Amino acid sequence: MTSSTEIKIHVTQRDGSRHVLQSRPTQVTLMQVLYDEDQGIEAVCGGCASCATCHVLIDEEWIPHLPERDEIEGMLLEYQEHFDVRRSRLSCQVALSPELDGLAVVIAPEE
C-alpha cells in the first residue's frame, strides 16, 4: 500500500533541533518517514507495534486529527518512562493522510 499524497512533517529532535520532512508516496506511516530520514527512530520491530522504539509526542494541535490509540499501542506506551497520556504515540501506528499535512511531532527521549 502506498500513500497517494506527499505531506510535510515538522520534527523536533531530542536536542531541540527542528527539521521539515517531506513524505514520499511509498511511505504510509509516520515511522517510515522518520526512520528513512534518520530522525532517531529505531523501529526495531519494523512497524509491528511491538517495541515502542518509534515513540513520538504529537503536537497538541494535531491530536484531534489522529484516531485514538488502540489497546496494544496504549499498553506499550504506558510503560515508557516519557509517556504522555495525551501526546504519546507510536509513529508506526500513525497512518499518513492528506489531513496530516503540516503535522508536528517531537521525537520522544530515549529510554
C-alpha atoms as a PDB file:
ATOM      1  CA  MET A   1       0.000   0.000   0.000  1.00  0.00           C
ATOM      2  CA  THR A   2       1.235   3.495  -0.735  1.00  0.00           C
ATOM      3  CA  SER A   3       0.282   6.978   0.349  1.00  0.00           C
ATOM      4  CA  SER A   4      -1.140   8.915  -2.575  1.00  0.00           C
ATOM      5  CA  THR A   5      -0.198  12.351  -1.267  1.00  0.00           C
ATOM      6  CA  GLU A   6       3.107  13.720  -0.059  1.00  0.00           C
ATOM      7  CA  ILE A   7       2.863  15.640   3.193  1.00  0.00           C
ATOM      8  CA  LYS A   8       5.166  17.863   5.232  1.00  0.00           C
ATOM      9  CA  ILE A   9       6.096  16.811   8.748  1.00  0.00           C
ATOM     10  CA  HIS A  10       7.681  19.186  11.256  1.00  0.00           C
ATOM     11  CA  VAL A  11      10.046  17.266  13.545  1.00  0.00           C
ATOM     12  CA  THR A  12      11.721  18.442  16.732  1.00  0.00           C
ATOM     13  CA  GLN A  13      14.707  16.288  17.624  1.00  0.00           C
ATOM     14  CA  ARG A  14      15.745  15.266  21.126  1.00  0.00           C
ATOM     15  CA  ASP A  15      18.396  18.009  21.080  1.00  0.00           C
ATOM     16  CA  GLY A  16      15.817  20.663  20.156  1.00  0.00           C
ATOM     17  CA  SER A  17      16.833  20.992  16.506  1.00  0.00           C
ATOM     18  CA  ARG A  18      13.988  21.193  14.015  1.00  0.00           C
ATOM     19  CA  HIS A  19      13.530  19.732  10.569  1.00  0.00           C
ATOM     20  CA  VAL A  20      10.794  19.786   7.954  1.00  0.00           C
ATOM     21  CA  LEU A  21      10.462  16.465   6.164  1.00  0.00           C
ATOM     22  CA  GLN A  22       8.540  15.606   3.021  1.00  0.00           C
ATOM     23  CA  SER A  23       6.963  12.161   2.824  1.00  0.00           C
ATOM     24  CA  ARG A  24       7.326  10.048  -0.290  1.00  0.00           C
ATOM     25  CA  PRO A  25       4.411   8.210  -1.928  1.00  0.00           C
ATOM     26  CA  THR A  26       5.788   4.838  -0.785  1.00  0.00           C
ATOM     27  CA  GLN A  27       5.769   5.846   2.897  1.00  0.00           C
ATOM     28  CA  VAL A  28       2.443   5.034   4.533  1.00  0.00           C
ATOM     29  CA  THR A  29       3.256   5.662   8.206  1.00  0.00           C
ATOM     30  CA  LEU A  30       4.939   8.418  10.158  1.00  0.00           C
ATOM     31  CA  MET A  31       7.535   5.884  11.338  1.00  0.00           C
ATOM     32  CA  GLN A  32       8.656   5.189   7.775  1.00  0.00           C
ATOM     33  CA  VAL A  33       9.340   8.877   7.134  1.00  0.00           C
ATOM     34  CA  LEU A  34      11.173   9.363  10.435  1.00  0.00           C
ATOM     35  CA  TYR A  35      13.229   6.196  10.021  1.00  0.00           C
ATOM     36  CA  ASP A  36      14.114   6.830   6.371  1.00  0.00           C
ATOM     37  CA  GLU A  37      15.223  10.376   7.218  1.00  0.00           C
ATOM     38  CA  ASP A  38      17.386   9.203  10.162  1.00  0.00           C
ATOM     39  CA  GLN A  39      15.419  11.127  12.786  1.00  0.00           C
ATOM     40  CA  GLY A  40      16.374   8.965  15.770  1.00  0.00           C
ATOM     41  CA  ILE A  41      13.624   6.386  15.420  1.00  0.00           C
ATOM     42  CA  GLU A  42      14.965   2.847  15.863  1.00  0.00           C
ATOM     43  CA  ALA A  43      11.843   0.976  14.712  1.00  0.00           C
ATOM     44  CA  VAL A  44      13.271  -2.309  15.985  1.00  0.00           C
ATOM     45  CA  CYS A  45      10.083  -4.265  15.232  1.00  0.00           C
ATOM     46  CA  GLY A  46       9.707  -2.770  11.766  1.00  0.00           C
ATOM     47  CA  GLY A  47       6.348  -1.204  12.458  1.00  0.00           C
ATOM     48  CA  CYS A  48       4.516  -4.122  14.082  1.00  0.00           C
ATOM     49  CA  ALA A  49       3.614  -2.198  17.265  1.00  0.00           C
ATOM     50  CA  SER A  50       5.622  -4.496  19.494  1.00  0.00           C
ATOM     51  CA  CYS A  51       8.635  -2.491  20.708  1.00  0.00           C
ATOM     52  CA  ALA A  52       7.854   1.245  21.257  1.00  0.00           C
ATOM     53  CA  THR A  53      11.198   2.354  19.776  1.00  0.00           C
ATOM     54  CA  CYS A  54       9.301   4.714  17.459  1.00  0.00           C
ATOM     55  CA  HIS A  55       7.709   6.717  20.299  1.00  0.00           C
ATOM     56  CA  VAL A  56       6.870  10.321  19.416  1.00  0.00           C
ATOM     57  CA  LEU A  57       4.979  13.135  21.082  1.00  0.00           C
ATOM     58  CA  ILE A  58       2.304  14.695  18.879  1.00  0.00           C
ATOM     59  CA  ASP A  59       1.943  18.464  18.980  1.00  0.00           C
ATOM     60  CA  GLU A  60      -1.247  19.357  20.879  1.00  0.00           C
ATOM     61  CA  GLU A  61      -2.986  20.970  17.892  1.00  0.00           C
ATOM     62  CA  TRP A  62      -2.670  17.765  15.849  1.00  0.00           C
ATOM     63  CA  ILE A  63      -4.096  15.324  18.397  1.00  0.00           C
ATOM     64  CA  PRO A  64      -7.715  15.788  17.229  1.00  0.00           C
ATOM     65  CA  HIS A  65      -6.661  14.830  13.678  1.00  0.00           C
ATOM     66  CA  LEU A  66      -5.468  11.369  14.725  1.00  0.00           C
ATOM     67  CA  PRO A  67      -7.530   8.308  15.595  1.00  0.00           C
ATOM     68  CA  GLU A  68      -7.440   7.105  19.188  1.00  0.00           C
ATOM     69  CA  ARG A  69      -4.690   4.707  20.253  1.00  0.00           C
ATOM     70  CA  ASP A  70      -5.762   1.102  20.164  1.00  0.00           C
ATOM     71  CA  GLU A  71      -5.311  -1.143  23.206  1.00  0.00           C
ATOM     72  CA  ILE A  72      -1.945  -2.606  22.138  1.00  0.00           C
ATOM     73  CA  GLU A  73      -0.426   0.791  21.378  1.00  0.00           C
ATOM     74  CA  GLY A  74      -1.688   2.132  24.693  1.00  0.00           C
ATOM     75  CA  MET A  75      -0.213  -0.783  26.656  1.00  0.00           C
ATOM     76  CA  LEU A  76       3.203  -0.406  25.009  1.00  0.00           C
ATOM     77  CA  LEU A  77       3.320   3.331  25.590  1.00  0.00           C
ATOM     78  CA  GLU A  78       2.128   3.396  29.184  1.00  0.00           C
ATOM     79  CA  TYR A  79       5.288   1.565  30.262  1.00  0.00           C
ATOM     80  CA  GLN A  80       7.569   4.123  28.632  1.00  0.00           C
ATOM     81  CA  GLU A  81       9.382   6.444  31.033  1.00  0.00           C
ATOM     82  CA  HIS A  82       8.397   9.511  28.995  1.00  0.00           C
ATOM     83  CA  PHE A  83       4.773   8.510  28.398  1.00  0.00           C
ATOM     84  CA  ASP A  84       2.418  11.449  27.983  1.00  0.00           C
ATOM     85  CA  VAL A  85      -1.176  10.264  28.284  1.00  0.00           C
ATOM     86  CA  ARG A  86      -2.351  12.831  25.745  1.00  0.00           C
ATOM     87  CA  ARG A  87       0.555  13.215  23.285  1.00  0.00           C
ATOM     88  CA  SER A  88       2.406   9.870  23.146  1.00  0.00           C
ATOM     89  CA  ARG A  89       2.006   7.766  20.020  1.00  0.00           C
ATOM     90  CA  LEU A  90       3.867   5.002  18.257  1.00  0.00           C
ATOM     91  CA  SER A  91       4.805   6.542  14.919  1.00  0.00           C
ATOM     92  CA  CYS A  92       4.278   3.152  13.252  1.00  0.00           C
ATOM     93  CA  GLN A  93       0.594   3.448  14.110  1.00  0.00           C
ATOM     94  CA  VAL A  94       0.126   6.909  12.582  1.00  0.00           C
ATOM     95  CA  ALA A  95      -1.033   6.435   9.007  1.00  0.00           C
ATOM     96  CA  LEU A  96      -0.168   9.295   6.684  1.00  0.00           C
ATOM     97  CA  SER A  97      -3.051  11.112   5.024  1.00  0.00           C
ATOM     98  CA  PRO A  98      -3.592  14.493   3.354  1.00  0.00           C
ATOM     99  CA  GLU A  99      -5.246  15.729   6.572  1.00  0.00           C
ATOM    100  CA  LEU A 100      -1.890  15.406   8.337  1.00  0.00           C
ATOM    101  CA  ASP A 101      -0.034  17.810   6.024  1.00  0.00           C
ATOM    102  CA  GLY A 102       1.962  20.010   8.409  1.00  0.00           C
ATOM    103  CA  LEU A 103       1.927  17.512  11.287  1.00  0.00           C
ATOM    104  CA  ALA A 104       4.283  18.487  14.117  1.00  0.00           C
ATOM    105  CA  VAL A 105       5.958  15.892  16.337  1.00  0.00           C
ATOM    106  CA  VAL A 106       8.743  15.650  18.896  1.00  0.00           C
ATOM    107  CA  ILE A 107      10.966  12.581  18.991  1.00  0.00           C
ATOM    108  CA  ALA A 108      10.456  11.150  22.498  1.00  0.00           C
ATOM    109  CA  PRO A 109      13.515  10.993  24.773  1.00  0.00           C
ATOM    110  CA  GLU A 110      15.427   7.722  24.673  1.00  0.00           C
ATOM    111  CA  GLU A 111      14.501   5.193  27.307  1.00  0.00           C
END
